Protein backbone atom coordinates (compact mmCIF):
# COMPACT_ATOMS: atom_id res chain seq x y z
CA UNK A 1 0.00 0.00 0.00
CA UNK A 2 1.32 3.41 -0.89
CA UNK A 3 1.40 6.42 1.38
CA UNK A 4 0.31 8.59 -1.54
CA UNK A 5 -3.27 9.69 -1.83
CA UNK A 6 -5.32 10.66 -4.85
CA UNK A 7 -5.21 14.26 -3.66
CA UNK A 8 -1.57 14.36 -4.76
CA UNK A 9 -2.35 13.85 -8.42
CA UNK A 10 -3.79 16.64 -10.57
CA UNK A 11 -5.61 15.37 -13.66
CA UNK A 12 -3.61 15.85 -16.87
CA UNK A 13 -4.77 18.73 -19.03
CA UNK A 14 -3.67 17.21 -22.32
CA UNK A 15 -5.55 14.34 -23.90
CA UNK A 16 -2.33 12.59 -24.94
CA UNK A 17 -0.88 12.77 -21.41
CA UNK A 18 -4.12 11.35 -20.00
CA UNK A 19 -4.17 8.50 -22.52
CA UNK A 20 -0.52 7.69 -21.79
CA UNK A 21 -1.23 7.57 -18.07
CA UNK A 22 -4.26 5.30 -18.56
CA UNK A 23 -2.20 3.04 -20.82
CA UNK A 24 0.50 2.69 -18.16
CA UNK A 25 -2.07 2.03 -15.42
CA UNK A 26 -3.84 -0.71 -17.37
CA UNK A 27 -0.72 -2.52 -18.54
CA UNK A 28 0.08 -2.84 -14.82
CA UNK A 29 -3.44 -3.43 -13.53
CA UNK A 30 -4.06 -6.21 -16.03
CA UNK A 31 -0.47 -7.53 -16.00
CA UNK A 32 -0.71 -7.25 -19.77
CA UNK A 33 2.21 -6.07 -21.91
CA UNK A 34 0.11 -6.96 -24.98
CA UNK A 35 -2.07 -3.86 -24.64
CA UNK A 36 -1.51 -1.28 -27.38
CA UNK A 37 -2.49 2.32 -27.85
CA UNK A 38 -4.84 2.18 -30.82
CA UNK A 39 -4.56 4.81 -33.52
CA UNK A 40 -4.23 8.47 -32.66
CA UNK A 41 -6.48 11.43 -32.06
CA UNK A 42 -8.38 12.33 -35.21
CA UNK A 43 -8.44 8.80 -36.61
CA UNK A 44 -11.53 6.61 -36.58
CA UNK A 45 -10.96 4.33 -33.59
CA UNK A 46 -14.44 2.91 -32.99
CA UNK A 47 -14.48 4.28 -29.45
CA UNK A 48 -11.26 2.51 -28.43
CA UNK A 49 -7.97 4.19 -27.45
CA UNK A 50 -6.24 1.17 -25.91
CA UNK A 51 -6.85 -2.48 -26.81
CA UNK A 52 -5.46 -5.94 -26.47
CA UNK A 53 -6.03 -9.61 -25.81
CA UNK A 54 -6.69 -10.95 -22.32
CA UNK A 55 -7.22 -14.52 -21.07
CA UNK A 56 -10.99 -13.94 -21.31
CA UNK A 57 -11.14 -12.18 -24.69
CA UNK A 58 -10.37 -8.80 -26.19
CA UNK A 59 -10.53 -5.64 -24.07
CA UNK A 60 -11.07 -2.08 -25.26
CA UNK A 61 -10.42 1.05 -23.20
CA UNK A 62 -11.70 4.52 -24.04
CA UNK A 63 -10.03 7.53 -22.41
CA UNK A 64 -12.26 10.51 -21.68
CA UNK A 65 -10.31 13.49 -20.40
CA UNK A 66 -12.73 15.70 -18.48
CA UNK A 67 -10.61 17.36 -15.78
CA UNK A 68 -12.99 19.12 -13.43
CA UNK A 69 -15.99 18.09 -15.50
CA UNK A 70 -18.30 15.12 -15.60
CA UNK A 71 -19.15 12.34 -17.97
CA UNK A 72 -22.77 12.11 -19.04
CA UNK A 73 -24.85 9.01 -19.75
CA UNK A 74 -25.33 10.14 -23.37
CA UNK A 75 -21.56 10.29 -23.87
CA UNK A 76 -21.15 6.84 -22.32
CA UNK A 77 -23.84 5.42 -24.60
CA UNK A 78 -22.30 7.03 -27.70
CA UNK A 79 -18.88 5.52 -26.95
CA UNK A 80 -20.39 2.07 -26.42
CA UNK A 81 -22.23 2.29 -29.75
CA UNK A 82 -18.92 3.10 -31.48
CA UNK A 83 -17.15 0.24 -29.69
CA UNK A 84 -19.72 -2.23 -31.02
CA UNK A 85 -17.98 -1.81 -34.41
CA UNK A 86 -14.46 -2.47 -33.13
CA UNK A 87 -12.61 -5.42 -34.66
CA UNK A 88 -11.90 -7.88 -33.18
CA UNK A 89 -15.09 -8.10 -31.21
CA UNK A 90 -14.64 -6.90 -27.62
CA UNK A 91 -15.53 -8.96 -24.56
CA UNK A 92 -15.05 -6.09 -22.08
CA UNK A 93 -15.01 -2.31 -22.42
CA UNK A 94 -13.67 0.23 -19.94
CA UNK A 95 -14.27 3.94 -19.89
CA UNK A 96 -11.44 5.68 -18.03
CA UNK A 97 -12.16 9.31 -17.20
CA UNK A 98 -10.44 12.16 -15.45
CA UNK A 99 -13.88 13.28 -14.25
CA UNK A 100 -14.59 12.90 -10.55
CA UNK A 101 -16.63 9.95 -9.32
CA UNK A 102 -20.32 10.35 -10.12
CA UNK A 103 -23.26 8.30 -8.79
CA UNK A 104 -25.45 8.90 -11.86
CA UNK A 105 -22.77 7.70 -14.30
CA UNK A 106 -21.93 4.75 -12.05
CA UNK A 107 -25.57 3.67 -11.83
CA UNK A 108 -25.87 3.97 -15.60
CA UNK A 109 -22.82 1.72 -16.07
CA UNK A 110 -24.24 -0.82 -13.58
CA UNK A 111 -27.47 -1.00 -15.57
CA UNK A 112 -25.62 -1.31 -18.86
CA UNK A 113 -23.34 -4.01 -17.48
CA UNK A 114 -26.27 -6.20 -16.42
CA UNK A 115 -28.26 -5.66 -19.62
CA UNK A 116 -25.27 -6.31 -21.86
CA UNK A 117 -24.26 -9.40 -19.90
CA UNK A 118 -27.81 -10.73 -20.17
CA UNK A 119 -27.84 -10.22 -23.95
CA UNK A 120 -24.35 -11.63 -24.58
CA UNK A 121 -22.70 -8.32 -25.47
CA UNK A 122 -19.40 -7.03 -24.12
CA UNK A 123 -19.57 -5.87 -20.52
CA UNK A 124 -18.74 -2.32 -19.47
CA UNK A 125 -16.92 -0.69 -16.58
CA UNK A 126 -15.98 2.87 -15.63
CA UNK A 127 -12.98 4.19 -13.72
CA UNK A 128 -13.11 7.76 -12.48
CA UNK A 129 -10.14 9.95 -11.60
CA UNK A 130 -10.16 8.82 -7.96
CA UNK A 131 -10.04 5.18 -9.09
CA UNK A 132 -7.15 5.88 -11.46
CA UNK A 133 -5.27 7.76 -8.72
CA UNK A 134 -5.58 4.80 -6.38
CA UNK A 135 -4.02 2.64 -9.11
CA UNK A 136 -1.26 5.17 -9.85
CA UNK A 137 -0.34 5.34 -6.16
CA UNK A 138 0.36 1.59 -6.19
CA UNK A 139 3.24 2.04 -8.65
CA UNK A 140 6.00 4.48 -7.60
CA UNK A 141 7.57 4.33 -11.06
CA UNK A 142 4.31 5.60 -12.60
CA UNK A 143 4.23 8.42 -10.07
CA UNK A 144 7.78 9.37 -11.04
CA UNK A 145 7.00 9.16 -14.76
CA UNK A 146 3.72 11.07 -14.81
CA UNK A 147 4.10 13.30 -11.74
CA UNK A 148 7.84 13.99 -11.38
CA UNK A 149 7.12 17.08 -9.27
CA UNK A 150 5.85 14.87 -6.43
CA UNK A 151 8.63 13.86 -4.06
CA UNK A 152 8.26 10.88 -1.78
C-alpha atoms as a PDB file:
ATOM      1  CA  UNK A   1       0.000   0.000   0.000  1.00  0.00           C
ATOM      2  CA  UNK A   2       1.316   3.412  -0.886  1.00  0.00           C
ATOM      3  CA  UNK A   3       1.404   6.424   1.378  1.00  0.00           C
ATOM      4  CA  UNK A   4       0.305   8.589  -1.544  1.00  0.00           C
ATOM      5  CA  UNK A   5      -3.272   9.686  -1.827  1.00  0.00           C
ATOM      6  CA  UNK A   6      -5.319  10.663  -4.845  1.00  0.00           C
ATOM      7  CA  UNK A   7      -5.206  14.263  -3.659  1.00  0.00           C
ATOM      8  CA  UNK A   8      -1.569  14.359  -4.757  1.00  0.00           C
ATOM      9  CA  UNK A   9      -2.354  13.848  -8.422  1.00  0.00           C
ATOM     10  CA  UNK A  10      -3.788  16.636 -10.566  1.00  0.00           C
ATOM     11  CA  UNK A  11      -5.615  15.367 -13.665  1.00  0.00           C
ATOM     12  CA  UNK A  12      -3.605  15.849 -16.865  1.00  0.00           C
ATOM     13  CA  UNK A  13      -4.769  18.727 -19.030  1.00  0.00           C
ATOM     14  CA  UNK A  14      -3.669  17.214 -22.324  1.00  0.00           C
ATOM     15  CA  UNK A  15      -5.547  14.342 -23.901  1.00  0.00           C
ATOM     16  CA  UNK A  16      -2.329  12.589 -24.939  1.00  0.00           C
ATOM     17  CA  UNK A  17      -0.883  12.770 -21.411  1.00  0.00           C
ATOM     18  CA  UNK A  18      -4.119  11.353 -20.000  1.00  0.00           C
ATOM     19  CA  UNK A  19      -4.171   8.502 -22.522  1.00  0.00           C
ATOM     20  CA  UNK A  20      -0.516   7.691 -21.792  1.00  0.00           C
ATOM     21  CA  UNK A  21      -1.231   7.572 -18.073  1.00  0.00           C
ATOM     22  CA  UNK A  22      -4.259   5.299 -18.561  1.00  0.00           C
ATOM     23  CA  UNK A  23      -2.202   3.036 -20.822  1.00  0.00           C
ATOM     24  CA  UNK A  24       0.499   2.690 -18.156  1.00  0.00           C
ATOM     25  CA  UNK A  25      -2.072   2.032 -15.418  1.00  0.00           C
ATOM     26  CA  UNK A  26      -3.835  -0.711 -17.365  1.00  0.00           C
ATOM     27  CA  UNK A  27      -0.723  -2.517 -18.542  1.00  0.00           C
ATOM     28  CA  UNK A  28       0.081  -2.837 -14.823  1.00  0.00           C
ATOM     29  CA  UNK A  29      -3.437  -3.429 -13.533  1.00  0.00           C
ATOM     30  CA  UNK A  30      -4.059  -6.215 -16.031  1.00  0.00           C
ATOM     31  CA  UNK A  31      -0.475  -7.529 -15.998  1.00  0.00           C
ATOM     32  CA  UNK A  32      -0.709  -7.246 -19.766  1.00  0.00           C
ATOM     33  CA  UNK A  33       2.208  -6.065 -21.907  1.00  0.00           C
ATOM     34  CA  UNK A  34       0.110  -6.955 -24.984  1.00  0.00           C
ATOM     35  CA  UNK A  35      -2.073  -3.856 -24.643  1.00  0.00           C
ATOM     36  CA  UNK A  36      -1.512  -1.280 -27.378  1.00  0.00           C
ATOM     37  CA  UNK A  37      -2.490   2.321 -27.854  1.00  0.00           C
ATOM     38  CA  UNK A  38      -4.840   2.176 -30.822  1.00  0.00           C
ATOM     39  CA  UNK A  39      -4.560   4.806 -33.517  1.00  0.00           C
ATOM     40  CA  UNK A  40      -4.229   8.468 -32.662  1.00  0.00           C
ATOM     41  CA  UNK A  41      -6.483  11.434 -32.058  1.00  0.00           C
ATOM     42  CA  UNK A  42      -8.376  12.334 -35.210  1.00  0.00           C
ATOM     43  CA  UNK A  43      -8.439   8.799 -36.608  1.00  0.00           C
ATOM     44  CA  UNK A  44     -11.526   6.607 -36.582  1.00  0.00           C
ATOM     45  CA  UNK A  45     -10.956   4.328 -33.590  1.00  0.00           C
ATOM     46  CA  UNK A  46     -14.437   2.909 -32.987  1.00  0.00           C
ATOM     47  CA  UNK A  47     -14.483   4.285 -29.451  1.00  0.00           C
ATOM     48  CA  UNK A  48     -11.257   2.510 -28.434  1.00  0.00           C
ATOM     49  CA  UNK A  49      -7.967   4.191 -27.451  1.00  0.00           C
ATOM     50  CA  UNK A  50      -6.241   1.165 -25.908  1.00  0.00           C
ATOM     51  CA  UNK A  51      -6.851  -2.476 -26.812  1.00  0.00           C
ATOM     52  CA  UNK A  52      -5.462  -5.941 -26.465  1.00  0.00           C
ATOM     53  CA  UNK A  53      -6.026  -9.613 -25.808  1.00  0.00           C
ATOM     54  CA  UNK A  54      -6.692 -10.953 -22.318  1.00  0.00           C
ATOM     55  CA  UNK A  55      -7.219 -14.516 -21.073  1.00  0.00           C
ATOM     56  CA  UNK A  56     -10.994 -13.944 -21.307  1.00  0.00           C
ATOM     57  CA  UNK A  57     -11.138 -12.180 -24.688  1.00  0.00           C
ATOM     58  CA  UNK A  58     -10.367  -8.801 -26.190  1.00  0.00           C
ATOM     59  CA  UNK A  59     -10.532  -5.637 -24.074  1.00  0.00           C
ATOM     60  CA  UNK A  60     -11.066  -2.076 -25.256  1.00  0.00           C
ATOM     61  CA  UNK A  61     -10.424   1.055 -23.203  1.00  0.00           C
ATOM     62  CA  UNK A  62     -11.704   4.520 -24.043  1.00  0.00           C
ATOM     63  CA  UNK A  63     -10.027   7.531 -22.410  1.00  0.00           C
ATOM     64  CA  UNK A  64     -12.259  10.511 -21.684  1.00  0.00           C
ATOM     65  CA  UNK A  65     -10.308  13.488 -20.399  1.00  0.00           C
ATOM     66  CA  UNK A  66     -12.735  15.700 -18.476  1.00  0.00           C
ATOM     67  CA  UNK A  67     -10.614  17.357 -15.778  1.00  0.00           C
ATOM     68  CA  UNK A  68     -12.989  19.117 -13.430  1.00  0.00           C
ATOM     69  CA  UNK A  69     -15.994  18.091 -15.498  1.00  0.00           C
ATOM     70  CA  UNK A  70     -18.300  15.122 -15.600  1.00  0.00           C
ATOM     71  CA  UNK A  71     -19.147  12.338 -17.975  1.00  0.00           C
ATOM     72  CA  UNK A  72     -22.773  12.110 -19.043  1.00  0.00           C
ATOM     73  CA  UNK A  73     -24.854   9.009 -19.747  1.00  0.00           C
ATOM     74  CA  UNK A  74     -25.328  10.143 -23.366  1.00  0.00           C
ATOM     75  CA  UNK A  75     -21.556  10.290 -23.874  1.00  0.00           C
ATOM     76  CA  UNK A  76     -21.146   6.838 -22.322  1.00  0.00           C
ATOM     77  CA  UNK A  77     -23.840   5.419 -24.604  1.00  0.00           C
ATOM     78  CA  UNK A  78     -22.304   7.030 -27.704  1.00  0.00           C
ATOM     79  CA  UNK A  79     -18.880   5.517 -26.954  1.00  0.00           C
ATOM     80  CA  UNK A  80     -20.390   2.071 -26.422  1.00  0.00           C
ATOM     81  CA  UNK A  81     -22.228   2.289 -29.748  1.00  0.00           C
ATOM     82  CA  UNK A  82     -18.923   3.103 -31.484  1.00  0.00           C
ATOM     83  CA  UNK A  83     -17.147   0.241 -29.695  1.00  0.00           C
ATOM     84  CA  UNK A  84     -19.720  -2.232 -31.021  1.00  0.00           C
ATOM     85  CA  UNK A  85     -17.978  -1.809 -34.413  1.00  0.00           C
ATOM     86  CA  UNK A  86     -14.457  -2.471 -33.134  1.00  0.00           C
ATOM     87  CA  UNK A  87     -12.612  -5.419 -34.658  1.00  0.00           C
ATOM     88  CA  UNK A  88     -11.897  -7.880 -33.179  1.00  0.00           C
ATOM     89  CA  UNK A  89     -15.094  -8.098 -31.209  1.00  0.00           C
ATOM     90  CA  UNK A  90     -14.644  -6.902 -27.621  1.00  0.00           C
ATOM     91  CA  UNK A  91     -15.526  -8.957 -24.558  1.00  0.00           C
ATOM     92  CA  UNK A  92     -15.049  -6.092 -22.082  1.00  0.00           C
ATOM     93  CA  UNK A  93     -15.008  -2.309 -22.424  1.00  0.00           C
ATOM     94  CA  UNK A  94     -13.667   0.225 -19.939  1.00  0.00           C
ATOM     95  CA  UNK A  95     -14.267   3.945 -19.890  1.00  0.00           C
ATOM     96  CA  UNK A  96     -11.439   5.677 -18.031  1.00  0.00           C
ATOM     97  CA  UNK A  97     -12.159   9.306 -17.203  1.00  0.00           C
ATOM     98  CA  UNK A  98     -10.442  12.165 -15.445  1.00  0.00           C
ATOM     99  CA  UNK A  99     -13.885  13.278 -14.254  1.00  0.00           C
ATOM    100  CA  UNK A 100     -14.595  12.897 -10.546  1.00  0.00           C
ATOM    101  CA  UNK A 101     -16.635   9.946  -9.317  1.00  0.00           C
ATOM    102  CA  UNK A 102     -20.317  10.353 -10.117  1.00  0.00           C
ATOM    103  CA  UNK A 103     -23.258   8.304  -8.793  1.00  0.00           C
ATOM    104  CA  UNK A 104     -25.448   8.901 -11.862  1.00  0.00           C
ATOM    105  CA  UNK A 105     -22.769   7.702 -14.301  1.00  0.00           C
ATOM    106  CA  UNK A 106     -21.932   4.754 -12.045  1.00  0.00           C
ATOM    107  CA  UNK A 107     -25.568   3.669 -11.834  1.00  0.00           C
ATOM    108  CA  UNK A 108     -25.870   3.973 -15.600  1.00  0.00           C
ATOM    109  CA  UNK A 109     -22.823   1.716 -16.066  1.00  0.00           C
ATOM    110  CA  UNK A 110     -24.239  -0.820 -13.579  1.00  0.00           C
ATOM    111  CA  UNK A 111     -27.474  -0.996 -15.573  1.00  0.00           C
ATOM    112  CA  UNK A 112     -25.622  -1.307 -18.859  1.00  0.00           C
ATOM    113  CA  UNK A 113     -23.341  -4.013 -17.475  1.00  0.00           C
ATOM    114  CA  UNK A 114     -26.273  -6.202 -16.419  1.00  0.00           C
ATOM    115  CA  UNK A 115     -28.256  -5.656 -19.616  1.00  0.00           C
ATOM    116  CA  UNK A 116     -25.270  -6.313 -21.859  1.00  0.00           C
ATOM    117  CA  UNK A 117     -24.258  -9.403 -19.898  1.00  0.00           C
ATOM    118  CA  UNK A 118     -27.811 -10.732 -20.167  1.00  0.00           C
ATOM    119  CA  UNK A 119     -27.842 -10.216 -23.953  1.00  0.00           C
ATOM    120  CA  UNK A 120     -24.347 -11.627 -24.577  1.00  0.00           C
ATOM    121  CA  UNK A 121     -22.703  -8.317 -25.470  1.00  0.00           C
ATOM    122  CA  UNK A 122     -19.404  -7.027 -24.118  1.00  0.00           C
ATOM    123  CA  UNK A 123     -19.567  -5.874 -20.521  1.00  0.00           C
ATOM    124  CA  UNK A 124     -18.739  -2.321 -19.473  1.00  0.00           C
ATOM    125  CA  UNK A 125     -16.921  -0.690 -16.578  1.00  0.00           C
ATOM    126  CA  UNK A 126     -15.978   2.871 -15.632  1.00  0.00           C
ATOM    127  CA  UNK A 127     -12.980   4.193 -13.721  1.00  0.00           C
ATOM    128  CA  UNK A 128     -13.106   7.757 -12.476  1.00  0.00           C
ATOM    129  CA  UNK A 129     -10.142   9.951 -11.599  1.00  0.00           C
ATOM    130  CA  UNK A 130     -10.165   8.815  -7.956  1.00  0.00           C
ATOM    131  CA  UNK A 131     -10.037   5.175  -9.090  1.00  0.00           C
ATOM    132  CA  UNK A 132      -7.153   5.882 -11.456  1.00  0.00           C
ATOM    133  CA  UNK A 133      -5.272   7.763  -8.720  1.00  0.00           C
ATOM    134  CA  UNK A 134      -5.579   4.802  -6.380  1.00  0.00           C
ATOM    135  CA  UNK A 135      -4.018   2.641  -9.112  1.00  0.00           C
ATOM    136  CA  UNK A 136      -1.257   5.172  -9.851  1.00  0.00           C
ATOM    137  CA  UNK A 137      -0.339   5.337  -6.159  1.00  0.00           C
ATOM    138  CA  UNK A 138       0.358   1.586  -6.193  1.00  0.00           C
ATOM    139  CA  UNK A 139       3.238   2.041  -8.655  1.00  0.00           C
ATOM    140  CA  UNK A 140       5.995   4.479  -7.598  1.00  0.00           C
ATOM    141  CA  UNK A 141       7.574   4.330 -11.057  1.00  0.00           C
ATOM    142  CA  UNK A 142       4.313   5.600 -12.605  1.00  0.00           C
ATOM    143  CA  UNK A 143       4.226   8.422 -10.073  1.00  0.00           C
ATOM    144  CA  UNK A 144       7.779   9.374 -11.039  1.00  0.00           C
ATOM    145  CA  UNK A 145       7.000   9.158 -14.764  1.00  0.00           C
ATOM    146  CA  UNK A 146       3.715  11.065 -14.808  1.00  0.00           C
ATOM    147  CA  UNK A 147       4.099  13.298 -11.739  1.00  0.00           C
ATOM    148  CA  UNK A 148       7.841  13.990 -11.384  1.00  0.00           C
ATOM    149  CA  UNK A 149       7.117  17.079  -9.268  1.00  0.00           C
ATOM    150  CA  UNK A 150       5.854  14.866  -6.433  1.00  0.00           C
ATOM    151  CA  UNK A 151       8.633  13.865  -4.060  1.00  0.00           C
ATOM    152  CA  UNK A 152       8.264  10.882  -1.783  1.00  0.00           C
END
